[in-house]
Amino acid sequence: MKSLVVKRSIVIGGHKTSVSLEEPFWTGLKEIAQGQRMTLSTMVGDIDTKRRQGNLSSAIRLFVLDCVRTRVPAGNNGDNHSSA
């Protein structure tokens, strides 16, 4: 069975490091970086600088989750059906 986690090398602050994330998180991170007109390396560097605990992969997942939560109103599960 193929692993769902994808390991990629990225340069942060001039240092090369590896980050392991599931593909949907990589996709989300790239979309967020493009939307903010940042390179992926710059965005990951910012996340790395601001994290308070945990590893970088976890910090990235939480960052992507936070971005999704701020874009989608609470209680909206993606469908447009009303339950009256």
PDB file of N, CA and C in Angstrom:
ATOM      1  N   MET A   1       0.840  -1.185   0.000  1.00  0.00           N
ATOM      2  CA  MET A   1       0.000   0.000   0.000  1.00  0.00           C
ATOM      3  C   MET A   1       0.880   1.241   0.000  1.00  0.00           C
ATOM      4  N   LYS A   2       0.536   2.196  -0.856  1.00  0.00           N
ATOM      5  CA  LYS A   2       1.307   3.420  -0.978  1.00  0.00           C
ATOM      6  C   LYS A   2       1.031   4.339   0.204  1.00  0.00           C
ATOM      7  N   SER A   3       2.087   4.951   0.729  1.00  0.00           N
ATOM      8  CA  SER A   3       1.946   5.869   1.851  1.00  0.00           C
ATOM      9  C   SER A   3       1.199   7.118   1.419  1.00  0.00           C
ATOM     10  N   LEU A   4       0.342   7.616   2.293  1.00  0.00           N
ATOM     11  CA  LEU A   4      -0.391   8.842   2.022  1.00  0.00           C
ATOM     12  C   LEU A   4       0.454  10.078   2.322  1.00  0.00           C
ATOM     13  N   VAL A   5       1.561   9.877   3.017  1.00  0.00           N
ATOM     14  CA  VAL A   5       2.442  10.978   3.391  1.00  0.00           C
ATOM     15  C   VAL A   5       3.512  11.156   2.317  1.00  0.00           C
ATOM     16  N   VAL A   6       3.697  12.408   1.901  1.00  0.00           N
ATOM     17  CA  VAL A   6       4.683  12.734   0.877  1.00  0.00           C
ATOM     18  C   VAL A   6       5.794  13.544   1.527  1.00  0.00           C
ATOM     19  N   LYS A   7       7.024  13.093   1.354  1.00  0.00           N
ATOM     20  CA  LYS A   7       8.186  13.773   1.928  1.00  0.00           C
ATOM     21  C   LYS A   7       8.829  14.628   0.839  1.00  0.00           C
ATOM     22  N   ARG A   8       8.999  15.921   1.142  1.00  0.00           N
ATOM     23  CA  ARG A   8       9.613  16.836   0.181  1.00  0.00           C
ATOM     24  C   ARG A   8      10.717  17.622   0.855  1.00  0.00           C
ATOM     25  N   SER A   9      11.724  17.973   0.061  1.00  0.00           N
ATOM     26  CA  SER A   9      12.802  18.831   0.544  1.00  0.00           C
ATOM     27  C   SER A   9      12.442  20.276   0.247  1.00  0.00           C
ATOM     28  N   ILE A  10      12.758  21.133   1.194  1.00  0.00           N
ATOM     29  CA  ILE A  10      12.474  22.558   1.041  1.00  0.00           C
ATOM     30  C   ILE A  10      13.600  23.350   1.699  1.00  0.00           C
ATOM     31  N   VAL A  11      13.902  24.501   1.147  1.00  0.00           N
ATOM     32  CA  VAL A  11      14.948  25.357   1.704  1.00  0.00           C
ATOM     33  C   VAL A  11      14.295  26.426   2.559  1.00  0.00           C
ATOM     34  N   ILE A  12      14.712  26.472   3.817  1.00  0.00           N
ATOM     35  CA  ILE A  12      14.204  27.464   4.767  1.00  0.00           C
ATOM     36  C   ILE A  12      15.387  28.227   5.332  1.00  0.00           C
ATOM     37  N   GLY A  13      15.400  29.511   5.094  1.00  0.00           N
ATOM     38  CA  GLY A  13      16.494  30.335   5.622  1.00  0.00           C
ATOM     39  C   GLY A  13      17.857  29.869   5.157  1.00  0.00           C
ATOM     40  N   GLY A  14      17.930  29.386   3.927  1.00  0.00           N
ATOM     41  CA  GLY A  14      19.197  28.933   3.375  1.00  0.00           C
ATOM     42  C   GLY A  14      19.593  27.521   3.760  1.00  0.00           C
ATOM     43  N   HIS A  15      18.756  26.841   4.537  1.00  0.00           N
ATOM     44  CA  HIS A  15      19.052  25.470   4.963  1.00  0.00           C
ATOM     45  C   HIS A  15      18.017  24.524   4.365  1.00  0.00           C
ATOM     46  N   LYS A  16      18.489  23.417   3.842  1.00  0.00           N
ATOM     47  CA  LYS A  16      17.596  22.421   3.254  1.00  0.00           C
ATOM     48  C   LYS A  16      17.088  21.482   4.356  1.00  0.00           C
ATOM     49  N   THR A  17      15.780  21.248   4.333  1.00  0.00           N
ATOM     50  CA  THR A  17      15.174  20.342   5.292  1.00  0.00           C
ATOM     51  C   THR A  17      14.094  19.523   4.591  1.00  0.00           C
ATOM     52  N   SER A  18      13.700  18.442   5.204  1.00  0.00           N
ATOM     53  CA  SER A  18      12.635  17.600   4.661  1.00  0.00           C
ATOM     54  C   SER A  18      11.385  17.761   5.500  1.00  0.00           C
ATOM     55  N   VAL A  19      10.253  17.812   4.811  1.00  0.00           N
ATOM     56  CA  VAL A  19       8.960  17.935   5.485  1.00  0.00           C
ATOM     57  C   VAL A  19       8.053  16.852   4.934  1.00  0.00           C
ATOM     58  N   SER A  20       7.392  16.143   5.827  1.00  0.00           N
ATOM     59  CA  SER A  20       6.465  15.082   5.439  1.00  0.00           C
ATOM     60  C   SER A  20       5.038  15.522   5.731  1.00  0.00           C
ATOM     61  N   LEU A  21       4.224  15.564   4.673  1.00  0.00           N
ATOM     62  CA  LEU A  21       2.816  15.947   4.784  1.00  0.00           C
ATOM     63  C   LEU A  21       1.978  15.103   3.841  1.00  0.00           C
ATOM     64  N   GLU A  22       0.719  14.947   4.158  1.00  0.00           N
ATOM     65  CA  GLU A  22      -0.203  14.317   3.241  1.00  0.00           C
ATOM     66  C   GLU A  22      -0.409  15.255   2.053  1.00  0.00           C
ATOM     67  N   GLU A  23      -0.660  14.679   0.884  1.00  0.00           N
ATOM     68  CA  GLU A  23      -0.785  15.475  -0.345  1.00  0.00           C
ATOM     69  C   GLU A  23      -1.812  16.607  -0.239  1.00  0.00           C
ATOM     70  N   PRO A  24      -2.987  16.394   0.381  1.00  0.00           N
ATOM     71  CA  PRO A  24      -3.931  17.518   0.487  1.00  0.00           C
ATOM     72  C   PRO A  24      -3.366  18.719   1.246  1.00  0.00           C
ATOM     73  N   PHE A  25      -2.496  18.473   2.224  1.00  0.00           N
ATOM     74  CA  PHE A  25      -1.883  19.587   2.942  1.00  0.00           C
ATOM     75  C   PHE A  25      -0.858  20.301   2.059  1.00  0.00           C
ATOM     76  N   TRP A  26      -0.102  19.553   1.265  1.00  0.00           N
ATOM     77  CA  TRP A  26       0.823  20.192   0.318  1.00  0.00           C
ATOM     78  C   TRP A  26       0.039  21.062  -0.657  1.00  0.00           C
ATOM     79  N   THR A  27      -1.060  20.529  -1.172  1.00  0.00           N
ATOM     80  CA  THR A  27      -1.881  21.271  -2.130  1.00  0.00           C
ATOM     81  C   THR A  27      -2.429  22.541  -1.487  1.00  0.00           C
ATOM     82  N   GLY A  28      -2.984  22.409  -0.298  1.00  0.00           N
ATOM     83  CA  GLY A  28      -3.525  23.570   0.408  1.00  0.00           C
ATOM     84  C   GLY A  28      -2.467  24.614   0.698  1.00  0.00           C
ATOM     85  N   LEU A  29      -1.302  24.164   1.121  1.00  0.00           N
ATOM     86  CA  LEU A  29      -0.207  25.088   1.423  1.00  0.00           C
ATOM     87  C   LEU A  29       0.223  25.852   0.177  1.00  0.00           C
ATOM     88  N   LYS A  30       0.326  25.155  -0.948  1.00  0.00           N
ATOM     89  CA  LYS A  30       0.696  25.817  -2.212  1.00  0.00           C
ATOM     90  C   LYS A  30      -0.352  26.847  -2.612  1.00  0.00           C
ATOM     91  N   GLU A  31      -1.631  26.497  -2.469  1.00  0.00           N
ATOM     92  CA  GLU A  31      -2.711  27.429  -2.816  1.00  0.00           C
ATOM     93  C   GLU A  31      -2.674  28.672  -1.937  1.00  0.00           C
ATOM     94  N   ILE A  32      -2.434  28.494  -0.656  1.00  0.00           N
ATOM     95  CA  ILE A  32      -2.353  29.624   0.265  1.00  0.00           C
ATOM     96  C   ILE A  32      -1.164  30.511  -0.099  1.00  0.00           C
ATOM     97  N   ALA A  33      -0.019  29.899  -0.376  1.00  0.00           N
ATOM     98  CA  ALA A  33       1.179  30.666  -0.748  1.00  0.00           C
ATOM     99  C   ALA A  33       0.926  31.464  -2.024  1.00  0.00           C
ATOM    100  N   GLN A  34       0.314  30.846  -3.008  1.00  0.00           N
ATOM    101  CA  GLN A  34       0.012  31.552  -4.260  1.00  0.00           C
ATOM    102  C   GLN A  34      -0.939  32.708  -4.002  1.00  0.00           C
ATOM    103  N   GLY A  35      -1.948  32.483  -3.184  1.00  0.00           N
ATOM    104  CA  GLY A  35      -2.919  33.526  -2.868  1.00  0.00           C
ATOM    105  C   GLY A  35      -2.298  34.711  -2.159  1.00  0.00           C
ATOM    106  N   GLN A  36      -1.238  34.460  -1.405  1.00  0.00           N
ATOM    107  CA  GLN A  36      -0.551  35.530  -0.683  1.00  0.00           C
ATOM    108  C   GLN A  36       0.687  36.018  -1.436  1.00  0.00           C
ATOM    109  N   ARG A  37       0.845  35.520  -2.656  1.00  0.00           N
ATOM    110  CA  ARG A  37       1.979  35.896  -3.518  1.00  0.00           C
ATOM    111  C   ARG A  37       3.323  35.690  -2.812  1.00  0.00           C
ATOM    112  N   MET A  38       3.442  34.506  -2.224  1.00  0.00           N
ATOM    113  CA  MET A  38       4.670  34.115  -1.525  1.00  0.00           C
ATOM    114  C   MET A  38       5.187  32.821  -2.134  1.00  0.00           C
ATOM    115  N   THR A  39       6.477  32.616  -2.000  1.00  0.00           N
ATOM    116  CA  THR A  39       7.011  31.316  -2.385  1.00  0.00           C
ATOM    117  C   THR A  39       6.682  30.332  -1.265  1.00  0.00           C
ATOM    118  N   LEU A  40       6.672  29.070  -1.619  1.00  0.00           N
ATOM    119  CA  LEU A  40       6.416  28.028  -0.631  1.00  0.00           C
ATOM    120  C   LEU A  40       7.489  28.064   0.460  1.00  0.00           C
ATOM    121  N   SER A  41       8.734  28.263   0.062  1.00  0.00           N
ATOM    122  CA  SER A  41       9.835  28.324   1.031  1.00  0.00           C
ATOM    123  C   SER A  41       9.665  29.468   2.015  1.00  0.00           C
ATOM    124  N   THR A  42       9.252  30.630   1.518  1.00  0.00           N
ATOM    125  CA  THR A  42       9.047  31.777   2.396  1.00  0.00           C
ATOM    126  C   THR A  42       7.918  31.516   3.379  1.00  0.00           C
ATOM    127  N   MET A  43       6.821  30.945   2.875  1.00  0.00           N
ATOM    128  CA  MET A  43       5.687  30.659   3.744  1.00  0.00           C
ATOM    129  C   MET A  43       6.059  29.637   4.818  1.00  0.00           C
ATOM    130  N   VAL A  44       6.730  28.569   4.426  1.00  0.00           N
ATOM    131  CA  VAL A  44       7.135  27.551   5.406  1.00  0.00           C
ATOM    132  C   VAL A  44       8.124  28.151   6.405  1.00  0.00           C
ATOM    133  N   GLY A  45       8.995  29.026   5.944  1.00  0.00           N
ATOM    134  CA  GLY A  45       9.926  29.712   6.853  1.00  0.00           C
ATOM    135  C   GLY A  45       9.184  30.545   7.882  1.00  0.00           C
ATOM    136  N   ASP A  46       8.135  31.248   7.452  1.00  0.00           N
ATOM    137  CA  ASP A  46       7.323  32.035   8.380  1.00  0.00           C
ATOM    138  C   ASP A  46       6.622  31.139   9.396  1.00  0.00           C
ATOM    139  N   ILE A  47       6.075  30.037   8.917  1.00  0.00           N
ATOM    140  CA  ILE A  47       5.406  29.087   9.816  1.00  0.00           C
ATOM    141  C   ILE A  47       6.410  28.544  10.828  1.00  0.00           C
ATOM    142  N   ASP A  48       7.605  28.209  10.360  1.00  0.00           N
ATOM    143  CA  ASP A  48       8.652  27.672  11.235  1.00  0.00           C
ATOM    144  C   ASP A  48       9.046  28.685  12.305  1.00  0.00           C
ATOM    145  N   THR A  49       9.166  29.937  11.917  1.00  0.00           N
ATOM    146  CA  THR A  49       9.562  30.993  12.857  1.00  0.00           C
ATOM    147  C   THR A  49       8.502  31.226  13.926  1.00  0.00           C
ATOM    148  N   LYS A  50       7.233  31.126  13.542  1.00  0.00           N
ATOM    149  CA  LYS A  50       6.135  31.443  14.461  1.00  0.00           C
ATOM    150  C   LYS A  50       5.666  30.274  15.311  1.00  0.00           C
ATOM    151  N   ARG A  51       6.081  29.063  14.986  1.00  0.00           N
ATOM    152  CA  ARG A  51       5.575  27.914  15.763  1.00  0.00           C
ATOM    153  C   ARG A  51       6.132  27.949  17.172  1.00  0.00           C
ATOM    154  N   ARG A  52       5.291  27.545  18.104  1.00  0.00           N
ATOM    155  CA  ARG A  52       5.677  27.580  19.515  1.00  0.00           C
ATOM    156  C   ARG A  52       6.108  26.212  20.025  1.00  0.00           C
ATOM    157  N   GLN A  53       5.553  25.172  19.416  1.00  0.00           N
ATOM    158  CA  GLN A  53       5.896  23.820  19.865  1.00  0.00           C
ATOM    159  C   GLN A  53       5.595  22.842  18.749  1.00  0.00           C
ATOM    160  N   GLY A  54       5.965  21.613  18.953  1.00  0.00           N
ATOM    161  CA  GLY A  54       5.707  20.586  17.958  1.00  0.00           C
ATOM    162  C   GLY A  54       6.692  20.650  16.813  1.00  0.00           C
ATOM    163  N   ASN A  55       6.510  19.728  15.877  1.00  0.00           N
ATOM    164  CA  ASN A  55       7.420  19.697  14.740  1.00  0.00           C
ATOM    165  C   ASN A  55       6.870  20.538  13.593  1.00  0.00           C
ATOM    166  N   LEU A  56       7.677  20.758  12.590  1.00  0.00           N
ATOM    167  CA  LEU A  56       7.304  21.620  11.478  1.00  0.00           C
ATOM    168  C   LEU A  56       6.105  21.069  10.706  1.00  0.00           C
ATOM    169  N   SER A  57       6.067  19.769  10.486  1.00  0.00           N
ATOM    170  CA  SER A  57       4.941  19.177   9.765  1.00  0.00           C
ATOM    171  C   SER A  57       3.626  19.457  10.481  1.00  0.00           C
ATOM    172  N   SER A  58       3.607  19.310  11.782  1.00  0.00           N
ATOM    173  CA  SER A  58       2.395  19.589  12.559  1.00  0.00           C
ATOM    174  C   SER A  58       2.030  21.065  12.482  1.00  0.00           C
ATOM    175  N   ALA A  59       3.021  21.933  12.565  1.00  0.00           N
ATOM    176  CA  ALA A  59       2.768  23.373  12.484  1.00  0.00           C
ATOM    177  C   ALA A  59       2.156  23.744  11.129  1.00  0.00           C
ATOM    178  N   ILE A  60       2.627  23.112  10.062  1.00  0.00           N
ATOM    179  CA  ILE A  60       2.075  23.382   8.732  1.00  0.00           C
ATOM    180  C   ILE A  60       0.633  22.901   8.650  1.00  0.00           C
ATOM    181  N   ARG A  61       0.358  21.709   9.158  1.00  0.00           N
ATOM    182  CA  ARG A  61      -1.014  21.200   9.143  1.00  0.00           C
ATOM    183  C   ARG A  61      -1.956  22.145   9.891  1.00  0.00           C
ATOM    184  N   LEU A  62      -1.528  22.615  11.061  1.00  0.00           N
ATOM    185  CA  LEU A  62      -2.352  23.526  11.843  1.00  0.00           C
ATOM    186  C   LEU A  62      -2.543  24.860  11.125  1.00  0.00           C
ATOM    187  N   PHE A  63      -1.514  25.334  10.440  1.00  0.00           N
ATOM    188  CA  PHE A  63      -1.604  26.571   9.669  1.00  0.00           C
ATOM    189  C   PHE A  63      -2.638  26.436   8.553  1.00  0.00           C
ATOM    190  N   VAL A  64      -2.567  25.350   7.799  1.00  0.00           N
ATOM    191  CA  VAL A  64      -3.517  25.122   6.706  1.00  0.00           C
ATOM    192  C   VAL A  64      -4.929  25.000   7.276  1.00  0.00           C
ATOM    193  N   LEU A  65      -5.089  24.261   8.355  1.00  0.00           N
ATOM    194  CA  LEU A  65      -6.399  24.112   8.989  1.00  0.00           C
ATOM    195  C   LEU A  65      -6.948  25.465   9.420  1.00  0.00           C
ATOM    196  N   ASP A  66      -6.115  26.294  10.019  1.00  0.00           N
ATOM    197  CA  ASP A  66      -6.542  27.611  10.462  1.00  0.00           C
ATOM    198  C   ASP A  66      -6.988  28.469   9.278  1.00  0.00           C
ATOM    199  N   CYS A  67      -6.260  28.406   8.170  1.00  0.00           N
ATOM    200  CA  CYS A  67      -6.633  29.163   6.972  1.00  0.00           C
ATOM    201  C   CYS A  67      -7.977  28.699   6.435  1.00  0.00           C
ATOM    202  N   VAL A  68      -8.216  27.400   6.442  1.00  0.00           N
ATOM    203  CA  VAL A  68      -9.493  26.867   5.972  1.00  0.00           C
ATOM    204  C   VAL A  68     -10.616  27.310   6.910  1.00  0.00           C
ATOM    205  N   ARG A  69     -10.386  27.248   8.191  1.00  0.00           N
ATOM    206  CA  ARG A  69     -11.415  27.627   9.161  1.00  0.00           C
ATOM    207  C   ARG A  69     -11.786  29.105   9.048  1.00  0.00           C
ATOM    208  N   THR A  70     -10.837  29.954   8.743  1.00  0.00           N
ATOM    209  CA  THR A  70     -11.140  31.379   8.640  1.00  0.00           C
ATOM    210  C   THR A  70     -11.847  31.714   7.333  1.00  0.00           C
ATOM    211  N   ARG A  71     -11.754  30.842   6.320  1.00  0.00           N
ATOM    212  CA  ARG A  71     -12.421  31.075   5.039  1.00  0.00           C
ATOM    213  C   ARG A  71     -13.824  30.490   4.984  1.00  0.00           C
ATOM    214  N   VAL A  72     -14.071  29.436   5.752  1.00  0.00           N
ATOM    215  CA  VAL A  72     -15.362  28.757   5.708  1.00  0.00           C
ATOM    216  C   VAL A  72     -16.122  29.079   6.995  1.00  0.00           C
ATOM    217  N   PRO A  73     -17.312  29.686   6.873  1.00  0.00           N
ATOM    218  CA  PRO A  73     -18.093  29.993   8.078  1.00  0.00           C
ATOM    219  C   PRO A  73     -18.410  28.732   8.880  1.00  0.00           C
ATOM    220  N   ALA A  74     -18.380  28.837  10.179  1.00  0.00           N
ATOM    221  CA  ALA A  74     -18.698  27.698  11.045  1.00  0.00           C
ATOM    222  C   ALA A  74     -20.112  27.218  10.763  1.00  0.00           C
ATOM    223  N   GLY A  75     -20.295  25.918  10.727  1.00  0.00           N
ATOM    224  CA  GLY A  75     -21.605  25.340  10.477  1.00  0.00           C
ATOM    225  C   GLY A  75     -21.881  25.094   9.009  1.00  0.00           C
ATOM    226  N   ASN A  76     -21.032  25.559   8.112  1.00  0.00           N
ATOM    227  CA  ASN A  76     -21.207  25.332   6.680  1.00  0.00           C
ATOM    228  C   ASN A  76     -20.467  24.064   6.319  1.00  0.00           C
ATOM    229  N   ASN A  77     -21.203  23.013   5.981  1.00  0.00           N
ATOM    230  CA  ASN A  77     -20.551  21.746   5.666  1.00  0.00           C
ATOM    231  C   ASN A  77     -20.366  21.551   4.169  1.00  0.00           C
ATOM    232  N   GLY A  78     -20.534  22.624   3.412  1.00  0.00           N
ATOM    233  CA  GLY A  78     -20.263  22.528   1.988  1.00  0.00           C
ATOM    234  C   GLY A  78     -21.488  22.298   1.115  1.00  0.00           C
ATOM    235  N   ASP A  79     -22.603  21.912   1.725  1.00  0.00           N
ATOM    236  CA  ASP A  79     -23.786  21.746   0.873  1.00  0.00           C
ATOM    237  C   ASP A  79     -24.701  22.955   1.035  1.00  0.00           C
ATOM    238  N   ASN A  80     -25.520  23.160   0.058  1.00  0.00           N
ATOM    239  CA  ASN A  80     -26.395  24.334   0.054  1.00  0.00           C
ATOM    240  C   ASN A  80     -27.849  23.963   0.335  1.00  0.00           C
ATOM    241  N   HIS A  81     -28.054  22.834   0.958  1.00  0.00           N
ATOM    242  CA  HIS A  81     -29.403  22.392   1.270  1.00  0.00           C
ATOM    243  C   HIS A  81     -29.797  22.917   2.645  1.00  0.00           C
ATOM    244  N   SER A  82     -31.001  23.381   2.733  1.00  0.00           N
ATOM    245  CA  SER A  82     -31.486  23.806   4.050  1.00  0.00           C
ATOM    246  C   SER A  82     -32.244  22.660   4.699  1.00  0.00           C
ATOM    247  N   SER A  83     -32.163  22.572   5.988  1.00  0.00           N
ATOM    248  CA  SER A  83     -32.868  21.502   6.693  1.00  0.00           C
ATOM    249  C   SER A  83     -34.003  22.111   7.501  1.00  0.00           C
ATOM    250  N   ALA A  84     -35.079  22.411   6.842  1.00  0.00           N
ATOM    251  CA  ALA A  84     -36.206  23.056   7.508  1.00  0.00           C
ATOM    252  C   ALA A  84     -37.254  22.057   7.931  1.00  0.00           C
TER     253      ALA A  84
END
